[in-house]
Amino acid sequence: MSVVVEVVTASLRTGHREGIHVRLVPMGAGYRYDGRGLWLDGFRKNARLNFGNHSQVAALLITR
């Protein structure tokens, strides 16, 4: 972890909807992008998109 505290944000797009603002939360070996009503947990390109505590789908993280 660096001395400077950095906040990483992004826009998560799910289908045809407008992007959802998310914030990166480091999780040891993986990552979490946390937004209103959903979060994306992953390691490298493999991830799980969670819609609440009991609903999730497999996802592939693609960056530009």
C-alpha atoms as a PDB file:
ATOM      1  CA  MET A   1       0.000   0.000   0.000  1.00  0.00           C
ATOM      2  CA  SER A   2       1.345   3.414  -0.869  1.00  0.00           C
ATOM      3  CA  VAL A   3       1.684   6.323   1.535  1.00  0.00           C
ATOM      4  CA  VAL A   4      -0.691   8.337  -0.659  1.00  0.00           C
ATOM      5  CA  VAL A   5      -4.310   7.261  -0.289  1.00  0.00           C
ATOM      6  CA  GLU A   6      -5.797   6.831  -3.757  1.00  0.00           C
ATOM      7  CA  VAL A   7      -9.486   6.404  -4.544  1.00  0.00           C
ATOM      8  CA  VAL A   8     -10.151   4.416  -7.720  1.00  0.00           C
ATOM      9  CA  THR A   9     -13.578   4.807  -9.326  1.00  0.00           C
ATOM     10  CA  ALA A  10     -15.126   3.435 -12.504  1.00  0.00           C
ATOM     11  CA  SER A  11     -18.371   3.057 -14.387  1.00  0.00           C
ATOM     12  CA  LEU A  12     -19.740  -0.506 -14.500  1.00  0.00           C
ATOM     13  CA  ARG A  13     -21.991  -1.224 -17.476  1.00  0.00           C
ATOM     14  CA  THR A  14     -24.518  -4.064 -17.374  1.00  0.00           C
ATOM     15  CA  GLY A  15     -26.289  -4.543 -20.686  1.00  0.00           C
ATOM     16  CA  HIS A  16     -28.056  -1.537 -22.180  1.00  0.00           C
ATOM     17  CA  ARG A  17     -28.324   0.383 -18.932  1.00  0.00           C
ATOM     18  CA  GLU A  18     -26.381   3.510 -18.217  1.00  0.00           C
ATOM     19  CA  GLY A  19     -23.135   2.956 -16.254  1.00  0.00           C
ATOM     20  CA  ILE A  20     -23.262   2.476 -12.478  1.00  0.00           C
ATOM     21  CA  HIS A  21     -20.656   4.375 -10.451  1.00  0.00           C
ATOM     22  CA  VAL A  22     -18.433   1.952  -8.502  1.00  0.00           C
ATOM     23  CA  ARG A  23     -15.401   2.258  -6.226  1.00  0.00           C
ATOM     24  CA  LEU A  24     -12.451  -0.164  -6.059  1.00  0.00           C
ATOM     25  CA  VAL A  25     -11.977  -1.910  -2.704  1.00  0.00           C
ATOM     26  CA  PRO A  26      -8.738  -3.979  -2.475  1.00  0.00           C
ATOM     27  CA  MET A  27      -9.425  -7.474  -1.096  1.00  0.00           C
ATOM     28  CA  GLY A  28      -6.050  -9.134  -0.415  1.00  0.00           C
ATOM     29  CA  ALA A  29      -5.357 -11.242  -3.521  1.00  0.00           C
ATOM     30  CA  GLY A  30      -8.469 -10.071  -5.405  1.00  0.00           C
ATOM     31  CA  TYR A  31     -10.615  -6.986  -5.782  1.00  0.00           C
ATOM     32  CA  ARG A  32     -14.128  -5.682  -5.275  1.00  0.00           C
ATOM     33  CA  TYR A  33     -15.871  -2.942  -7.235  1.00  0.00           C
ATOM     34  CA  ASP A  34     -18.659  -1.735  -4.951  1.00  0.00           C
ATOM     35  CA  GLY A  35     -21.661   0.275  -6.147  1.00  0.00           C
ATOM     36  CA  ARG A  36     -25.256   1.017  -5.230  1.00  0.00           C
ATOM     37  CA  GLY A  37     -27.173  -2.277  -5.155  1.00  0.00           C
ATOM     38  CA  LEU A  38     -24.419  -4.463  -6.649  1.00  0.00           C
ATOM     39  CA  TRP A  39     -20.775  -5.395  -6.366  1.00  0.00           C
ATOM     40  CA  LEU A  40     -18.233  -7.237  -8.483  1.00  0.00           C
ATOM     41  CA  ASP A  41     -15.766  -9.591  -6.718  1.00  0.00           C
ATOM     42  CA  GLY A  42     -12.896 -11.038  -8.672  1.00  0.00           C
ATOM     43  CA  PHE A  43      -9.343 -12.159  -9.234  1.00  0.00           C
ATOM     44  CA  ARG A  44      -7.648 -11.090 -12.469  1.00  0.00           C
ATOM     45  CA  LYS A  45     -10.228 -11.368 -15.311  1.00  0.00           C
ATOM     46  CA  ASN A  46     -12.562 -13.852 -13.556  1.00  0.00           C
ATOM     47  CA  ALA A  47     -15.299 -12.259 -11.462  1.00  0.00           C
ATOM     48  CA  ARG A  48     -18.744 -12.690  -9.904  1.00  0.00           C
ATOM     49  CA  LEU A  49     -21.348  -9.959 -10.270  1.00  0.00           C
ATOM     50  CA  ASN A  50     -23.533  -9.872  -7.138  1.00  0.00           C
ATOM     51  CA  PHE A  51     -27.050  -8.404  -7.022  1.00  0.00           C
ATOM     52  CA  GLY A  52     -27.695  -8.599  -3.282  1.00  0.00           C
ATOM     53  CA  ASN A  53     -26.838 -11.421  -0.903  1.00  0.00           C
ATOM     54  CA  HIS A  54     -28.493 -14.286  -2.802  1.00  0.00           C
ATOM     55  CA  SER A  55     -28.110 -13.534  -6.501  1.00  0.00           C
ATOM     56  CA  GLN A  56     -24.871 -13.664  -8.512  1.00  0.00           C
ATOM     57  CA  VAL A  57     -23.664 -14.421 -12.032  1.00  0.00           C
ATOM     58  CA  ALA A  58     -20.261 -15.248 -13.468  1.00  0.00           C
ATOM     59  CA  ALA A  59     -18.566 -12.345 -15.257  1.00  0.00           C
ATOM     60  CA  LEU A  60     -15.463 -11.643 -17.308  1.00  0.00           C
ATOM     61  CA  LEU A  61     -13.773  -8.319 -16.601  1.00  0.00           C
ATOM     62  CA  ILE A  62     -12.883  -6.443 -19.786  1.00  0.00           C
ATOM     63  CA  THR A  63     -11.002  -3.159 -19.528  1.00  0.00           C
ATOM     64  CA  ARG A  64     -10.279  -0.597 -22.188  1.00  0.00           C
END
